[in-house]
Amino acid sequence: MVKRRVDTLQRYNPVPISMLINTANSFACDIFVECGKNKVNAKNYDEMKRNLVTQYGHLLFYFNGVDEDDAGKKIEQMFLP
């Protein structure tokens, strides 16, 4: 299992939720996002729309599976300015 913390305030424009979900779905590993007290499946649109809270300024991503390193790097790159 790989954990990556990303700063959501680095970018001038936020990452669209659809782009995040599509990127997560392109990998075989499980991807979860921890935001505050919620842990959300990054591949599930309904969970992301309902429970993803970005007001804290950072998100903690959990990757678990065969391509977890590649997924972690790609998601982390999405939040760079």
PDB file of N, CA and C in Angstrom:
ATOM      1  N   MET A   1       0.842  -1.179   0.000  1.00  0.00           N
ATOM      2  CA  MET A   1       0.000   0.000   0.000  1.00  0.00           C
ATOM      3  C   MET A   1       0.888   1.245   0.000  1.00  0.00           C
ATOM      4  N   VAL A   2       0.531   2.186  -0.854  1.00  0.00           N
ATOM      5  CA  VAL A   2       1.262   3.434  -0.989  1.00  0.00           C
ATOM      6  C   VAL A   2       0.343   4.581  -0.567  1.00  0.00           C
ATOM      7  N   LYS A   3       0.904   5.533   0.188  1.00  0.00           N
ATOM      8  CA  LYS A   3       0.153   6.730   0.575  1.00  0.00           C
ATOM      9  C   LYS A   3       0.836   7.947  -0.035  1.00  0.00           C
ATOM     10  N   ARG A   4       0.017   8.873  -0.528  1.00  0.00           N
ATOM     11  CA  ARG A   4       0.556  10.130  -1.050  1.00  0.00           C
ATOM     12  C   ARG A   4      -0.340  11.277  -0.596  1.00  0.00           C
ATOM     13  N   ARG A   5       0.287  12.292  -0.052  1.00  0.00           N
ATOM     14  CA  ARG A   5      -0.450  13.480   0.364  1.00  0.00           C
ATOM     15  C   ARG A   5      -0.256  14.545  -0.706  1.00  0.00           C
ATOM     16  N   VAL A   6      -1.355  15.122  -1.175  1.00  0.00           N
ATOM     17  CA  VAL A   6      -1.274  16.167  -2.188  1.00  0.00           C
ATOM     18  C   VAL A   6      -1.880  17.457  -1.645  1.00  0.00           C
ATOM     19  N   ASP A   7      -1.285  18.553  -2.064  1.00  0.00           N
ATOM     20  CA  ASP A   7      -1.762  19.872  -1.678  1.00  0.00           C
ATOM     21  C   ASP A   7      -2.717  20.358  -2.760  1.00  0.00           C
ATOM     22  N   THR A   8      -3.982  20.524  -2.421  1.00  0.00           N
ATOM     23  CA  THR A   8      -4.984  20.928  -3.408  1.00  0.00           C
ATOM     24  C   THR A   8      -4.929  22.418  -3.711  1.00  0.00           C
ATOM     25  N   LEU A   9      -4.161  23.168  -2.948  1.00  0.00           N
ATOM     26  CA  LEU A   9      -4.093  24.618  -3.145  1.00  0.00           C
ATOM     27  C   LEU A   9      -2.917  25.050  -4.017  1.00  0.00           C
ATOM     28  N   GLN A  10      -2.092  24.101  -4.470  1.00  0.00           N
ATOM     29  CA  GLN A  10      -0.943  24.440  -5.314  1.00  0.00           C
ATOM     30  C   GLN A  10      -1.371  24.945  -6.684  1.00  0.00           C
ATOM     31  N   ARG A  11      -2.422  24.364  -7.211  1.00  0.00           N
ATOM     32  CA  ARG A  11      -2.890  24.729  -8.551  1.00  0.00           C
ATOM     33  C   ARG A  11      -3.777  25.961  -8.495  1.00  0.00           C
ATOM     34  N   TYR A  12      -3.714  26.768  -9.544  1.00  0.00           N
ATOM     35  CA  TYR A  12      -4.587  27.932  -9.645  1.00  0.00           C
ATOM     36  C   TYR A  12      -6.025  27.487  -9.908  1.00  0.00           C
ATOM     37  N   ASN A  13      -6.180  26.480 -10.781  1.00  0.00           N
ATOM     38  CA  ASN A  13      -7.496  25.910 -11.082  1.00  0.00           C
ATOM     39  C   ASN A  13      -7.599  24.537 -10.438  1.00  0.00           C
ATOM     40  N   PRO A  14      -8.732  24.210  -9.832  1.00  0.00           N
ATOM     41  CA  PRO A  14      -8.869  22.886  -9.213  1.00  0.00           C
ATOM     42  C   PRO A  14      -8.907  21.772 -10.260  1.00  0.00           C
ATOM     43  N   VAL A  15      -8.532  20.581  -9.841  1.00  0.00           N
ATOM     44  CA  VAL A  15      -8.603  19.409 -10.711  1.00  0.00           C
ATOM     45  C   VAL A  15     -10.070  18.995 -10.811  1.00  0.00           C
ATOM     46  N   PRO A  16     -10.620  18.891 -12.024  1.00  0.00           N
ATOM     47  CA  PRO A  16     -12.018  18.471 -12.160  1.00  0.00           C
ATOM     48  C   PRO A  16     -12.222  17.056 -11.619  1.00  0.00           C
ATOM     49  N   ILE A  17     -13.335  16.853 -10.941  1.00  0.00           N
ATOM     50  CA  ILE A  17     -13.615  15.552 -10.328  1.00  0.00           C
ATOM     51  C   ILE A  17     -13.686  14.461 -11.394  1.00  0.00           C
ATOM     52  N   SER A  18     -14.223  14.781 -12.574  1.00  0.00           N
ATOM     53  CA  SER A  18     -14.325  13.782 -13.642  1.00  0.00           C
ATOM     54  C   SER A  18     -12.941  13.350 -14.126  1.00  0.00           C
ATOM     55  N   MET A  19     -12.009  14.283 -14.178  1.00  0.00           N
ATOM     56  CA  MET A  19     -10.637  13.956 -14.587  1.00  0.00           C
ATOM     57  C   MET A  19      -9.967  13.057 -13.552  1.00  0.00           C
ATOM     58  N   LEU A  20     -10.209  13.346 -12.295  1.00  0.00           N
ATOM     59  CA  LEU A  20      -9.647  12.532 -11.215  1.00  0.00           C
ATOM     60  C   LEU A  20     -10.214  11.114 -11.249  1.00  0.00           C
ATOM     61  N   ILE A  21     -11.516  10.987 -11.457  1.00  0.00           N
ATOM     62  CA  ILE A  21     -12.166   9.672 -11.508  1.00  0.00           C
ATOM     63  C   ILE A  21     -11.689   8.888 -12.727  1.00  0.00           C
ATOM     64  N   ASN A  22     -11.624   9.534 -13.891  1.00  0.00           N
ATOM     65  CA  ASN A  22     -11.160   8.847 -15.101  1.00  0.00           C
ATOM     66  C   ASN A  22      -9.719   8.378 -14.963  1.00  0.00           C
ATOM     67  N   THR A  23      -8.883   9.200 -14.362  1.00  0.00           N
ATOM     68  CA  THR A  23      -7.492   8.807 -14.141  1.00  0.00           C
ATOM     69  C   THR A  23      -7.423   7.626 -13.184  1.00  0.00           C
ATOM     70  N   ALA A  24      -8.185   7.676 -12.105  1.00  0.00           N
ATOM     71  CA  ALA A  24      -8.211   6.568 -11.138  1.00  0.00           C
ATOM     72  C   ALA A  24      -8.677   5.280 -11.802  1.00  0.00           C
ATOM     73  N   ASN A  25      -9.682   5.375 -12.664  1.00  0.00           N
ATOM     74  CA  ASN A  25     -10.216   4.190 -13.338  1.00  0.00           C
ATOM     75  C   ASN A  25      -9.267   3.614 -14.379  1.00  0.00           C
ATOM     76  N   SER A  26      -8.252   4.363 -14.770  1.00  0.00           N
ATOM     77  CA  SER A  26      -7.299   3.844 -15.751  1.00  0.00           C
ATOM     78  C   SER A  26      -6.264   2.912 -15.117  1.00  0.00           C
ATOM     79  N   PHE A  27      -6.300   2.777 -13.802  1.00  0.00           N
ATOM     80  CA  PHE A  27      -5.379   1.891 -13.084  1.00  0.00           C
ATOM     81  C   PHE A  27      -6.155   0.738 -12.449  1.00  0.00           C
ATOM     82  N   ALA A  28      -5.484  -0.392 -12.309  1.00  0.00           N
ATOM     83  CA  ALA A  28      -6.123  -1.588 -11.749  1.00  0.00           C
ATOM     84  C   ALA A  28      -6.186  -1.564 -10.224  1.00  0.00           C
ATOM     85  N   CYS A  29      -5.313  -0.817  -9.592  1.00  0.00           N
ATOM     86  CA  CYS A  29      -5.254  -0.822  -8.124  1.00  0.00           C
ATOM     87  C   CYS A  29      -6.454  -0.097  -7.513  1.00  0.00           C
ATOM     88  N   ASP A  30      -6.696  -0.374  -6.236  1.00  0.00           N
ATOM     89  CA  ASP A  30      -7.721   0.341  -5.479  1.00  0.00           C
ATOM     90  C   ASP A  30      -7.160   1.700  -5.093  1.00  0.00           C
ATOM     91  N   ILE A  31      -7.989   2.737  -5.232  1.00  0.00           N
ATOM     92  CA  ILE A  31      -7.561   4.090  -4.884  1.00  0.00           C
ATOM     93  C   ILE A  31      -8.625   4.718  -3.996  1.00  0.00           C
ATOM     94  N   PHE A  32      -8.203   5.128  -2.814  1.00  0.00           N
ATOM     95  CA  PHE A  32      -9.099   5.793  -1.878  1.00  0.00           C
ATOM     96  C   PHE A  32      -8.521   7.149  -1.515  1.00  0.00           C
ATOM     97  N   VAL A  33      -9.405   8.091  -1.216  1.00  0.00           N
ATOM     98  CA  VAL A  33      -9.009   9.440  -0.838  1.00  0.00           C
ATOM     99  C   VAL A  33      -9.520   9.709   0.567  1.00  0.00           C
ATOM    100  N   GLU A  34      -8.624  10.146   1.436  1.00  0.00           N
ATOM    101  CA  GLU A  34      -9.030  10.528   2.786  1.00  0.00           C
ATOM    102  C   GLU A  34      -9.072  12.051   2.850  1.00  0.00           C
ATOM    103  N   CYS A  35     -10.237  12.556   3.213  1.00  0.00           N
ATOM    104  CA  CYS A  35     -10.408  14.002   3.344  1.00  0.00           C
ATOM    105  C   CYS A  35     -11.181  14.251   4.634  1.00  0.00           C
ATOM    106  N   GLY A  36     -10.485  14.761   5.626  1.00  0.00           N
ATOM    107  CA  GLY A  36     -11.123  14.925   6.933  1.00  0.00           C
ATOM    108  C   GLY A  36     -11.401  13.568   7.545  1.00  0.00           C
ATOM    109  N   LYS A  37     -12.651  13.323   7.890  1.00  0.00           N
ATOM    110  CA  LYS A  37     -13.048  12.049   8.493  1.00  0.00           C
ATOM    111  C   LYS A  37     -13.530  11.039   7.457  1.00  0.00           C
ATOM    112  N   ASN A  38     -13.653  11.456   6.210  1.00  0.00           N
ATOM    113  CA  ASN A  38     -14.180  10.592   5.157  1.00  0.00           C
ATOM    114  C   ASN A  38     -13.062   9.884   4.405  1.00  0.00           C
ATOM    115  N   LYS A  39     -13.330   8.638   4.035  1.00  0.00           N
ATOM    116  CA  LYS A  39     -12.446   7.880   3.147  1.00  0.00           C
ATOM    117  C   LYS A  39     -13.313   7.463   1.961  1.00  0.00           C
ATOM    118  N   VAL A  40     -12.951   7.939   0.777  1.00  0.00           N
ATOM    119  CA  VAL A  40     -13.801   7.844  -0.398  1.00  0.00           C
ATOM    120  C   VAL A  40     -13.114   7.030  -1.487  1.00  0.00           C
ATOM    121  N   ASN A  41     -13.882   6.180  -2.174  1.00  0.00           N
ATOM    122  CA  ASN A  41     -13.382   5.422  -3.312  1.00  0.00           C
ATOM    123  C   ASN A  41     -13.230   6.377  -4.492  1.00  0.00           C
ATOM    124  N   ALA A  42     -12.013   6.584  -4.961  1.00  0.00           N
ATOM    125  CA  ALA A  42     -11.746   7.545  -6.032  1.00  0.00           C
ATOM    126  C   ALA A  42     -12.280   7.091  -7.387  1.00  0.00           C
ATOM    127  N   LYS A  43     -12.715   5.853  -7.497  1.00  0.00           N
ATOM    128  CA  LYS A  43     -13.241   5.344  -8.761  1.00  0.00           C
ATOM    129  C   LYS A  43     -14.765   5.416  -8.828  1.00  0.00           C
ATOM    130  N   ASN A  44     -15.394   5.842  -7.760  1.00  0.00           N
ATOM    131  CA  ASN A  44     -16.851   5.866  -7.678  1.00  0.00           C
ATOM    132  C   ASN A  44     -17.349   7.308  -7.722  1.00  0.00           C
ATOM    133  N   TYR A  45     -18.050   7.660  -8.802  1.00  0.00           N
ATOM    134  CA  TYR A  45     -18.517   9.036  -8.981  1.00  0.00           C
ATOM    135  C   TYR A  45     -19.429   9.487  -7.848  1.00  0.00           C
ATOM    136  N   ASP A  46     -20.386   8.653  -7.472  1.00  0.00           N
ATOM    137  CA  ASP A  46     -21.341   9.042  -6.428  1.00  0.00           C
ATOM    138  C   ASP A  46     -20.650   9.320  -5.097  1.00  0.00           C
ATOM    139  N   GLU A  47     -19.716   8.456  -4.719  1.00  0.00           N
ATOM    140  CA  GLU A  47     -18.980   8.675  -3.467  1.00  0.00           C
ATOM    141  C   GLU A  47     -18.152   9.950  -3.533  1.00  0.00           C
ATOM    142  N   MET A  48     -17.490  10.155  -4.650  1.00  0.00           N
ATOM    143  CA  MET A  48     -16.649  11.342  -4.799  1.00  0.00           C
ATOM    144  C   MET A  48     -17.492  12.614  -4.750  1.00  0.00           C
ATOM    145  N   LYS A  49     -18.611  12.618  -5.437  1.00  0.00           N
ATOM    146  CA  LYS A  49     -19.467  13.803  -5.493  1.00  0.00           C
ATOM    147  C   LYS A  49     -20.066  14.114  -4.123  1.00  0.00           C
ATOM    148  N   ARG A  50     -20.459  13.082  -3.411  1.00  0.00           N
ATOM    149  CA  ARG A  50     -21.147  13.261  -2.129  1.00  0.00           C
ATOM    150  C   ARG A  50     -20.188  13.509  -0.964  1.00  0.00           C
ATOM    151  N   ASN A  51     -19.049  12.830  -0.932  1.00  0.00           N
ATOM    152  CA  ASN A  51     -18.222  12.822   0.276  1.00  0.00           C
ATOM    153  C   ASN A  51     -16.856  13.491   0.170  1.00  0.00           C
ATOM    154  N   LEU A  52     -16.437  13.869  -1.026  1.00  0.00           N
ATOM    155  CA  LEU A  52     -15.116  14.482  -1.162  1.00  0.00           C
ATOM    156  C   LEU A  52     -15.162  15.926  -0.670  1.00  0.00           C
ATOM    157  N   VAL A  53     -14.337  16.225   0.313  1.00  0.00           N
ATOM    158  CA  VAL A  53     -14.263  17.575   0.884  1.00  0.00           C
ATOM    159  C   VAL A  53     -12.844  18.085   0.658  1.00  0.00           C
ATOM    160  N   THR A  54     -12.727  19.164  -0.090  1.00  0.00           N
ATOM    161  CA  THR A  54     -11.394  19.672  -0.424  1.00  0.00           C
ATOM    162  C   THR A  54     -11.029  20.937   0.340  1.00  0.00           C
ATOM    163  N   GLN A  55     -11.843  21.344   1.265  1.00  0.00           N
ATOM    164  CA  GLN A  55     -11.609  22.605   1.983  1.00  0.00           C
ATOM    165  C   GLN A  55     -10.405  22.568   2.910  1.00  0.00           C
ATOM    166  N   TYR A  56      -9.874  21.396   3.206  1.00  0.00           N
ATOM    167  CA  TYR A  56      -8.748  21.287   4.133  1.00  0.00           C
ATOM    168  C   TYR A  56      -7.416  21.669   3.500  1.00  0.00           C
ATOM    169  N   GLY A  57      -7.369  21.766   2.175  1.00  0.00           N
ATOM    170  CA  GLY A  57      -6.136  22.148   1.501  1.00  0.00           C
ATOM    171  C   GLY A  57      -5.234  20.993   1.134  1.00  0.00           C
ATOM    172  N   HIS A  58      -5.552  19.801   1.606  1.00  0.00           N
ATOM    173  CA  HIS A  58      -4.759  18.627   1.235  1.00  0.00           C
ATOM    174  C   HIS A  58      -5.659  17.393   1.221  1.00  0.00           C
ATOM    175  N   LEU A  59      -5.239  16.413   0.452  1.00  0.00           N
ATOM    176  CA  LEU A  59      -5.919  15.121   0.386  1.00  0.00           C
ATOM    177  C   LEU A  59      -4.875  14.035   0.574  1.00  0.00           C
ATOM    178  N   LEU A  60      -5.271  12.950   1.202  1.00  0.00           N
ATOM    179  CA  LEU A  60      -4.382  11.812   1.392  1.00  0.00           C
ATOM    180  C   LEU A  60      -4.917  10.664   0.545  1.00  0.00           C
ATOM    181  N   PHE A  61      -4.128  10.235  -0.426  1.00  0.00           N
ATOM    182  CA  PHE A  61      -4.521   9.156  -1.331  1.00  0.00           C
ATOM    183  C   PHE A  61      -3.881   7.854  -0.873  1.00  0.00           C
ATOM    184  N   TYR A  62      -4.652   6.777  -0.940  1.00  0.00           N
ATOM    185  CA  TYR A  62      -4.172   5.426  -0.636  1.00  0.00           C
ATOM    186  C   TYR A  62      -4.282   4.596  -1.907  1.00  0.00           C
ATOM    187  N   PHE A  63      -3.204   3.924  -2.272  1.00  0.00           N
ATOM    188  CA  PHE A  63      -3.159   3.085  -3.466  1.00  0.00           C
ATOM    189  C   PHE A  63      -2.789   1.676  -3.037  1.00  0.00           C
ATOM    190  N   ASN A  64      -3.543   0.693  -3.517  1.00  0.00           N
ATOM    191  CA  ASN A  64      -3.273  -0.688  -3.141  1.00  0.00           C
ATOM    192  C   ASN A  64      -3.527  -1.595  -4.343  1.00  0.00           C
ATOM    193  N   GLY A  65      -2.466  -2.174  -4.884  1.00  0.00           N
ATOM    194  CA  GLY A  65      -2.618  -3.071  -6.019  1.00  0.00           C
ATOM    195  C   GLY A  65      -1.339  -3.146  -6.835  1.00  0.00           C
ATOM    196  N   VAL A  66      -1.445  -3.804  -7.980  1.00  0.00           N
ATOM    197  CA  VAL A  66      -0.268  -4.097  -8.794  1.00  0.00           C
ATOM    198  C   VAL A  66       0.401  -2.851  -9.374  1.00  0.00           C
ATOM    199  N   ASP A  67      -0.375  -1.848  -9.714  1.00  0.00           N
ATOM    200  CA  ASP A  67       0.198  -0.642 -10.320  1.00  0.00           C
ATOM    201  C   ASP A  67       0.094   0.576  -9.400  1.00  0.00           C
ATOM    202  N   GLU A  68       0.191   0.327  -8.104  1.00  0.00           N
ATOM    203  CA  GLU A  68       0.010   1.396  -7.111  1.00  0.00           C
ATOM    204  C   GLU A  68       1.044   2.515  -7.242  1.00  0.00           C
ATOM    205  N   ASP A  69       2.282   2.177  -7.569  1.00  0.00           N
ATOM    206  CA  ASP A  69       3.317   3.213  -7.704  1.00  0.00           C
ATOM    207  C   ASP A  69       3.034   4.138  -8.885  1.00  0.00           C
ATOM    208  N   ASP A  70       2.676   3.543 -10.020  1.00  0.00           N
ATOM    209  CA  ASP A  70       2.363   4.344 -11.204  1.00  0.00           C
ATOM    210  C   ASP A  70       1.141   5.226 -10.967  1.00  0.00           C
ATOM    211  N   ALA A  71       0.134   4.665 -10.328  1.00  0.00           N
ATOM    212  CA  ALA A  71      -1.082   5.433 -10.033  1.00  0.00           C
ATOM    213  C   ALA A  71      -0.773   6.587  -9.090  1.00  0.00           C
ATOM    214  N   GLY A  72       0.029   6.331  -8.083  1.00  0.00           N
ATOM    215  CA  GLY A  72       0.392   7.375  -7.130  1.00  0.00           C
ATOM    216  C   GLY A  72       1.126   8.524  -7.791  1.00  0.00           C
ATOM    217  N   LYS A  73       2.050   8.191  -8.670  1.00  0.00           N
ATOM    218  CA  LYS A  73       2.810   9.228  -9.371  1.00  0.00           C
ATOM    219  C   LYS A  73       1.905  10.061 -10.281  1.00  0.00           C
ATOM    220  N   LYS A  74       1.012   9.390 -10.998  1.00  0.00           N
ATOM    221  CA  LYS A  74       0.123  10.089 -11.932  1.00  0.00           C
ATOM    222  C   LYS A  74      -0.838  11.023 -11.192  1.00  0.00           C
ATOM    223  N   ILE A  75      -1.444  10.535 -10.116  1.00  0.00           N
ATOM    224  CA  ILE A  75      -2.379  11.362  -9.338  1.00  0.00           C
ATOM    225  C   ILE A  75      -1.634  12.546  -8.721  1.00  0.00           C
ATOM    226  N   GLU A  76      -0.455  12.293  -8.216  1.00  0.00           N
ATOM    227  CA  GLU A  76       0.333  13.367  -7.602  1.00  0.00           C
ATOM    228  C   GLU A  76       0.669  14.455  -8.635  1.00  0.00           C
ATOM    229  N   GLN A  77       0.993  14.048  -9.862  1.00  0.00           N
ATOM    230  CA  GLN A  77       1.315  14.997 -10.934  1.00  0.00           C
ATOM    231  C   GLN A  77       0.127  15.886 -11.285  1.00  0.00           C
ATOM    232  N   MET A  78      -1.074  15.343 -11.158  1.00  0.00           N
ATOM    233  CA  MET A  78      -2.275  16.105 -11.499  1.00  0.00           C
ATOM    234  C   MET A  78      -2.443  17.343 -10.619  1.00  0.00           C
ATOM    235  N   PHE A  79      -1.908  17.307  -9.426  1.00  0.00           N
ATOM    236  CA  PHE A  79      -2.085  18.408  -8.483  1.00  0.00           C
ATOM    237  C   PHE A  79      -0.915  19.392  -8.473  1.00  0.00           C
ATOM    238  N   LEU A  80       0.073  19.156  -9.320  1.00  0.00           N
ATOM    239  CA  LEU A  80       1.198  20.088  -9.411  1.00  0.00           C
ATOM    240  C   LEU A  80       0.796  21.307 -10.242  1.00  0.00           C
ATOM    241  N   PRO A  81       1.377  22.468  -9.936  1.00  0.00           N
ATOM    242  CA  PRO A  81       1.021  23.686 -10.693  1.00  0.00           C
ATOM    243  C   PRO A  81       1.532  23.649 -12.128  1.00  0.00           C
TER     244      PRO A  81
END
